[in-house]
Every structure is written in C-alpha cells, then in structure tokens.
C-alpha cells in the first residue's frame, strides 16, 4: 500500500492505495464518483475518460481504467461530476450535448464530454476532421457521432465567445 495525495474535482484526497488499483477503481469504489463508467476495462471504449493534470503539466484526457492511481500523486483529476462552467453551473460542453441531442442512452456521455473538453483545451476551433480524430477513442454504441460533432463545434464557439 502507498499513500497517495491528489485533487479530485478540486478536493484534496489522501488515500492509501494498492499498487494495482486503477484511477477508475478509486474514483468509483472509494470516492463514489460513479459518473466515470467502467465498460471495456482495456482502454478501447473511452467510457472511463477523465481529465488529468500532472504536477506542472497540462490537463489531458486519460482512460482511468488504464491509469494506475499511484501514478496520480500530486495531480489534479476532473471527472464529469467536477466539470462546471466558470462561476458554477452547467459547462458549455454539457449544454451543447443537450442542445444537439448528443446524449442518447447516456452511458458514453461523461467520457465523450471530457474528451471533447480536452480537445477544446488544445484547439479552440477544431475542424470536423480534427474532432473526429480527437474523439476516435470514445465509442458511442448509439451511433450519435454526427450530433457529438455538432455539439463540440457549438461548445467551441460558446467558449470562444466567453459563454
């Protein structure tokens, strides 16, 4: 067991973690943050996507099922439960997913939204091709891809205009 400290959704966590525990296990089973979904457990579907910012590093999307929790020492983790707009409220990406009916069954939605936020962190105005490439690691079994692309484009416009 190893003592590990990291922030989750802006709240400091200090946990004793076994070396084999994944970030997904810790989020769901120890911290009761069930918005992060377990599906394939092999990094193939993206349902477990969260945002991870290592110390002195840039925030990026990661598969929490493949990320060892002990490797998160000093990092900041954002799950769907911790995603909000500046000043609180619903994040523009969440608003855009709702507006474009990009949710469908909802199982993949948290991972899709966080992957899209990570994309816009890097590129505020991605092309459709860039969105498809960036989102290719997140599967939607309902086939809502055209609506997801529209949602990402709209959220990019909203974020660029400050809203």
Foldseek 3Di string as FASTA:
>chain_A
DDWAWEAELNRIDTDDDDQPAFQLCCVCPVVVNPQQDDDPLPLQAQSRWKWKAAVVGDIAIDRRSPHGPRVRHHMYIYFLVSDAPVVGDHQLLVVLCVVLVLQVVNSSVRRLSRLLVRLCVVPLADDLVSSCVSSVRHDDPVPSVVSSSRSSRRSSVCVVVVD
